[in-house]
Amino acid sequence: MVNNKLKKVLDDKKLSFSDLKKLLETKEIKINNSQLSLYSRGKRNPKNKKMWIDIAEVLQVDLQEIITDINYYLSIMDEISENGTEKKDKTENEKTNDSLFQELLSLVDKNSPSELEKVYRYCSLASNFENLSKAIDKEGVMILVSSG
């Protein structure tokens, strides 16, 4: 587990774990005092590293004042960055897929189940190809050529 200065920051601000708990509740974050105590002693880390960002925000300090281990700090920032990018990509993809679906739907007879099925299948295939494209961009691709 990672060492942190949560307890020192709380002491400097003359706050208790109960006070921190109440501050976090203003952000609709449910946590108990014992969890906060475990975090402050480095006995446990939050499952979602964004919790450290939330704690820093409610205490009105920079995250670096709480998390002094550079590697752990960078891992928190990476996780936050990845989650934000995934959400943005997902939102953009949903907009694209929805507009594609609406456009295709306008071209077919909506009373024909087979036509509607084709639209659903096409949109599903488009989504699968989009995911495959992202995987290839991320991981690369290997093409196997068999010689006969």
C-alpha atoms as a PDB file:
ATOM      1  CA  MET A   1       0.000   0.000   0.000  1.00  0.00           C
ATOM      2  CA  VAL A   2       1.081   3.551  -0.579  1.00  0.00           C
ATOM      3  CA  ASN A   3       2.154   6.040   2.057  1.00  0.00           C
ATOM      4  CA  ASN A   4       0.244   9.290   2.031  1.00  0.00           C
ATOM      5  CA  LYS A   5      -0.129  12.442   4.090  1.00  0.00           C
ATOM      6  CA  LEU A   6      -3.899  12.439   4.477  1.00  0.00           C
ATOM      7  CA  LYS A   7      -3.719  12.425   8.285  1.00  0.00           C
ATOM      8  CA  LYS A   8      -1.209  15.303   8.289  1.00  0.00           C
ATOM      9  CA  VAL A   9      -3.406  17.383   5.946  1.00  0.00           C
ATOM     10  CA  LEU A  10      -6.425  16.712   8.170  1.00  0.00           C
ATOM     11  CA  ASP A  11      -4.441  17.650  11.290  1.00  0.00           C
ATOM     12  CA  ASP A  12      -3.139  20.845   9.639  1.00  0.00           C
ATOM     13  CA  LYS A  13      -6.710  21.829   8.808  1.00  0.00           C
ATOM     14  CA  LYS A  14      -7.920  20.745  12.262  1.00  0.00           C
ATOM     15  CA  LEU A  15     -10.340  18.259  10.700  1.00  0.00           C
ATOM     16  CA  SER A  16     -11.318  14.742  11.738  1.00  0.00           C
ATOM     17  CA  PHE A  17     -12.260  11.736   9.634  1.00  0.00           C
ATOM     18  CA  SER A  18     -15.882  12.552  10.480  1.00  0.00           C
ATOM     19  CA  ASP A  19     -15.421  16.042   9.059  1.00  0.00           C
ATOM     20  CA  LEU A  20     -13.879  14.613   5.897  1.00  0.00           C
ATOM     21  CA  LYS A  21     -16.720  12.115   5.629  1.00  0.00           C
ATOM     22  CA  LYS A  22     -19.244  14.982   5.773  1.00  0.00           C
ATOM     23  CA  LEU A  23     -17.331  16.954   3.144  1.00  0.00           C
ATOM     24  CA  LEU A  24     -17.311  13.927   0.839  1.00  0.00           C
ATOM     25  CA  GLU A  25     -21.044  13.454   1.381  1.00  0.00           C
ATOM     26  CA  THR A  26     -21.574  16.901  -0.174  1.00  0.00           C
ATOM     27  CA  LYS A  27     -20.226  15.293  -3.357  1.00  0.00           C
ATOM     28  CA  GLU A  28     -22.597  12.346  -2.799  1.00  0.00           C
ATOM     29  CA  ILE A  29     -19.704  10.061  -1.869  1.00  0.00           C
ATOM     30  CA  LYS A  30     -20.546   7.527   0.828  1.00  0.00           C
ATOM     31  CA  ILE A  31     -17.627   6.390   2.941  1.00  0.00           C
ATOM     32  CA  ASN A  32     -17.135   5.544   6.595  1.00  0.00           C
ATOM     33  CA  ASN A  33     -14.552   6.765   9.080  1.00  0.00           C
ATOM     34  CA  SER A  34     -12.785   3.411   9.306  1.00  0.00           C
ATOM     35  CA  GLN A  35     -12.197   3.357   5.535  1.00  0.00           C
ATOM     36  CA  LEU A  36     -10.735   6.858   5.690  1.00  0.00           C
ATOM     37  CA  SER A  37      -8.540   5.794   8.593  1.00  0.00           C
ATOM     38  CA  LEU A  38      -7.281   2.776   6.630  1.00  0.00           C
ATOM     39  CA  TYR A  39      -6.504   5.025   3.645  1.00  0.00           C
ATOM     40  CA  SER A  40      -4.635   7.526   5.832  1.00  0.00           C
ATOM     41  CA  ARG A  41      -2.491   4.797   7.422  1.00  0.00           C
ATOM     42  CA  GLY A  42      -1.698   3.260   4.036  1.00  0.00           C
ATOM     43  CA  LYS A  43      -3.349  -0.013   5.049  1.00  0.00           C
ATOM     44  CA  ARG A  44      -5.760   0.130   2.141  1.00  0.00           C
ATOM     45  CA  ASN A  45      -6.188   2.099  -1.081  1.00  0.00           C
ATOM     46  CA  PRO A  46      -9.508   3.087  -2.628  1.00  0.00           C
ATOM     47  CA  LYS A  47     -10.730   0.736  -5.363  1.00  0.00           C
ATOM     48  CA  ASN A  48     -11.395   3.770  -7.526  1.00  0.00           C
ATOM     49  CA  LYS A  49      -8.331   5.993  -7.460  1.00  0.00           C
ATOM     50  CA  LYS A  50     -10.539   8.993  -8.268  1.00  0.00           C
ATOM     51  CA  MET A  51     -11.393   8.950  -4.555  1.00  0.00           C
ATOM     52  CA  TRP A  52      -8.010  10.609  -3.901  1.00  0.00           C
ATOM     53  CA  ILE A  53      -8.940  13.420  -6.306  1.00  0.00           C
ATOM     54  CA  ASP A  54     -12.272  13.867  -4.527  1.00  0.00           C
ATOM     55  CA  ILE A  55     -10.563  13.955  -1.132  1.00  0.00           C
ATOM     56  CA  ALA A  56      -8.075  16.577  -2.348  1.00  0.00           C
ATOM     57  CA  GLU A  57     -10.906  18.670  -3.818  1.00  0.00           C
ATOM     58  CA  VAL A  58     -13.028  18.732  -0.664  1.00  0.00           C
ATOM     59  CA  LEU A  59      -9.950  19.520   1.437  1.00  0.00           C
ATOM     60  CA  GLN A  60      -8.998  22.230  -1.072  1.00  0.00           C
ATOM     61  CA  VAL A  61      -5.440  20.994  -1.505  1.00  0.00           C
ATOM     62  CA  ASP A  62      -3.417  19.723  -4.435  1.00  0.00           C
ATOM     63  CA  LEU A  63      -3.347  15.959  -4.797  1.00  0.00           C
ATOM     64  CA  GLN A  64       0.459  16.073  -4.429  1.00  0.00           C
ATOM     65  CA  GLU A  65       0.027  17.317  -0.857  1.00  0.00           C
ATOM     66  CA  ILE A  66      -1.699  14.041   0.003  1.00  0.00           C
ATOM     67  CA  ILE A  67      -0.039  11.558  -2.357  1.00  0.00           C
ATOM     68  CA  THR A  68       3.732  11.946  -2.200  1.00  0.00           C
ATOM     69  CA  ASP A  69       4.689   8.731  -4.005  1.00  0.00           C
ATOM     70  CA  ILE A  70       5.293   9.873  -7.590  1.00  0.00           C
ATOM     71  CA  ASN A  71       4.527   6.482  -9.140  1.00  0.00           C
ATOM     72  CA  TYR A  72       1.200   6.185  -7.353  1.00  0.00           C
ATOM     73  CA  TYR A  73       0.373   9.810  -8.184  1.00  0.00           C
ATOM     74  CA  LEU A  74       1.061   9.119 -11.874  1.00  0.00           C
ATOM     75  CA  SER A  75      -1.044   5.948 -11.771  1.00  0.00           C
ATOM     76  CA  ILE A  76      -3.956   7.987 -10.363  1.00  0.00           C
ATOM     77  CA  MET A  77      -3.597  10.575 -13.109  1.00  0.00           C
ATOM     78  CA  ASP A  78      -3.363   7.843 -15.772  1.00  0.00           C
ATOM     79  CA  GLU A  79      -6.529   6.170 -14.507  1.00  0.00           C
ATOM     80  CA  ILE A  80      -8.413   9.475 -14.449  1.00  0.00           C
ATOM     81  CA  SER A  81      -7.183  10.302 -17.943  1.00  0.00           C
ATOM     82  CA  GLU A  82      -8.139   6.859 -19.324  1.00  0.00           C
ATOM     83  CA  ASN A  83     -11.618   7.013 -17.804  1.00  0.00           C
ATOM     84  CA  GLY A  84     -12.237  10.474 -19.208  1.00  0.00           C
ATOM     85  CA  THR A  85     -11.087   9.449 -22.677  1.00  0.00           C
ATOM     86  CA  GLU A  86     -13.216   6.284 -22.624  1.00  0.00           C
ATOM     87  CA  LYS A  87     -16.309   8.241 -21.600  1.00  0.00           C
ATOM     88  CA  LYS A  88     -15.707  10.857 -24.289  1.00  0.00           C
ATOM     89  CA  ASP A  89     -15.143   8.173 -26.944  1.00  0.00           C
ATOM     90  CA  LYS A  90     -18.241   6.302 -25.834  1.00  0.00           C
ATOM     91  CA  THR A  91     -20.384   9.437 -25.998  1.00  0.00           C
ATOM     92  CA  GLU A  92     -19.108  10.298 -29.478  1.00  0.00           C
ATOM     93  CA  ASN A  93     -19.643   6.708 -30.652  1.00  0.00           C
ATOM     94  CA  GLU A  94     -23.172   6.663 -29.265  1.00  0.00           C
ATOM     95  CA  LYS A  95     -23.977   9.877 -31.144  1.00  0.00           C
ATOM     96  CA  THR A  96     -22.539   8.471 -34.375  1.00  0.00           C
ATOM     97  CA  ASN A  97     -24.289   5.126 -33.984  1.00  0.00           C
ATOM     98  CA  ASP A  98     -27.578   6.808 -33.119  1.00  0.00           C
ATOM     99  CA  SER A  99     -27.427   9.087 -36.165  1.00  0.00           C
ATOM    100  CA  LEU A 100     -26.473   6.112 -38.366  1.00  0.00           C
ATOM    101  CA  PHE A 101     -29.379   4.129 -36.943  1.00  0.00           C
ATOM    102  CA  GLN A 102     -31.818   6.997 -37.529  1.00  0.00           C
ATOM    103  CA  GLU A 103     -30.573   7.522 -41.071  1.00  0.00           C
ATOM    104  CA  LEU A 104     -30.879   3.835 -41.941  1.00  0.00           C
ATOM    105  CA  LEU A 105     -34.268   3.621 -40.292  1.00  0.00           C
ATOM    106  CA  SER A 106     -35.524   6.434 -42.508  1.00  0.00           C
ATOM    107  CA  LEU A 107     -34.562   4.403 -45.596  1.00  0.00           C
ATOM    108  CA  VAL A 108     -36.478   1.212 -44.798  1.00  0.00           C
ATOM    109  CA  ASP A 109     -40.062   0.133 -44.389  1.00  0.00           C
ATOM    110  CA  LYS A 110     -40.566   0.325 -40.608  1.00  0.00           C
ATOM    111  CA  ASN A 111     -43.474  -2.120 -40.826  1.00  0.00           C
ATOM    112  CA  SER A 112     -41.252  -4.858 -42.196  1.00  0.00           C
ATOM    113  CA  PRO A 113     -39.572  -6.897 -39.439  1.00  0.00           C
ATOM    114  CA  SER A 114     -36.919  -8.175 -41.846  1.00  0.00           C
ATOM    115  CA  GLU A 115     -35.972  -4.614 -42.862  1.00  0.00           C
ATOM    116  CA  LEU A 116     -35.725  -3.527 -39.228  1.00  0.00           C
ATOM    117  CA  GLU A 117     -33.588  -6.583 -38.474  1.00  0.00           C
ATOM    118  CA  LYS A 118     -31.210  -5.581 -41.275  1.00  0.00           C
ATOM    119  CA  VAL A 119     -30.842  -2.093 -39.773  1.00  0.00           C
ATOM    120  CA  TYR A 120     -30.115  -3.525 -36.306  1.00  0.00           C
ATOM    121  CA  ARG A 121     -27.595  -5.995 -37.744  1.00  0.00           C
ATOM    122  CA  TYR A 122     -25.870  -3.331 -39.809  1.00  0.00           C
ATOM    123  CA  CYS A 123     -25.529  -1.001 -36.806  1.00  0.00           C
ATOM    124  CA  SER A 124     -24.202  -3.871 -34.710  1.00  0.00           C
ATOM    125  CA  LEU A 125     -21.642  -4.727 -37.390  1.00  0.00           C
ATOM    126  CA  ALA A 126     -20.620  -1.070 -37.662  1.00  0.00           C
ATOM    127  CA  SER A 127     -20.082  -0.964 -33.901  1.00  0.00           C
ATOM    128  CA  ASN A 128     -18.063  -4.210 -33.988  1.00  0.00           C
ATOM    129  CA  PHE A 129     -15.837  -2.882 -36.776  1.00  0.00           C
ATOM    130  CA  GLU A 130     -15.345   0.353 -34.869  1.00  0.00           C
ATOM    131  CA  ASN A 131     -14.239  -1.598 -31.774  1.00  0.00           C
ATOM    132  CA  LEU A 132     -11.964  -3.781 -33.897  1.00  0.00           C
ATOM    133  CA  SER A 133     -10.415  -0.681 -35.452  1.00  0.00           C
ATOM    134  CA  LYS A 134      -9.681   0.740 -31.994  1.00  0.00           C
ATOM    135  CA  ALA A 135      -8.126  -2.548 -30.884  1.00  0.00           C
ATOM    136  CA  ILE A 136      -5.915  -2.594 -33.970  1.00  0.00           C
ATOM    137  CA  ASP A 137      -4.877   1.019 -33.387  1.00  0.00           C
ATOM    138  CA  LYS A 138      -4.051   0.227 -29.768  1.00  0.00           C
ATOM    139  CA  GLU A 139      -2.422  -3.195 -30.088  1.00  0.00           C
ATOM    140  CA  GLY A 140      -1.357  -3.387 -33.723  1.00  0.00           C
ATOM    141  CA  VAL A 141      -2.190  -6.202 -36.069  1.00  0.00           C
ATOM    142  CA  MET A 142      -0.457  -9.321 -37.297  1.00  0.00           C
ATOM    143  CA  ILE A 143      -1.295 -10.719 -40.712  1.00  0.00           C
ATOM    144  CA  LEU A 144      -0.600 -14.402 -41.238  1.00  0.00           C
ATOM    145  CA  VAL A 145      -0.017 -15.497 -44.805  1.00  0.00           C
ATOM    146  CA  SER A 146      -0.118 -19.179 -45.512  1.00  0.00           C
ATOM    147  CA  SER A 147       1.863 -20.518 -48.408  1.00  0.00           C
ATOM    148  CA  GLY A 148       0.515 -23.430 -50.279  1.00  0.00           C
END
